[in-house]
Amino acid sequence: MPDIRAVVGEVEVPPVQKIIVAVLFFGVAVGVVLYSNAKLRQQNGGKLWFLAAFTNSALLLFFFAVWDLLILDWLIFVTIQLSNLAPPMVYLTAKAIQMICFGHSLPLQENSL
């Protein structure tokens, strides 16, 4: 992280944005676990053993951790280079704006942007 901060510098993130992201992530994580335990209780005839609920919750939270590790940390930050994605994304965005505004796509060359 120090190398990234040396290149980019300090990034100011508003506290409200941090709170919104934290609440959304926490809400999804807890909501999925509660919903899954409710479905498990329903499938077991209205009874839910502690060990089953604990195992279900632990495995779901483990899944979130593995997803974060593999998808966010490894795939996005290590494998995909954002510098390679920027020109095609600008090109596709320009094409999409043309389709929305004009109803058809004007001839655009990738190197013209």
Foldseek 3Di string as FASTA:
>chain_A
DVVVCVVPNDDDDDPVVVVVVVCVVVCVLVVVLVVVQVVVCVVVPNDDDPVNSVVSSVVSVVVVVVCCCPPVPPCPVPPDDVVVVVLVVVVVVQQVVCCVPPVHGDDDDSVVD
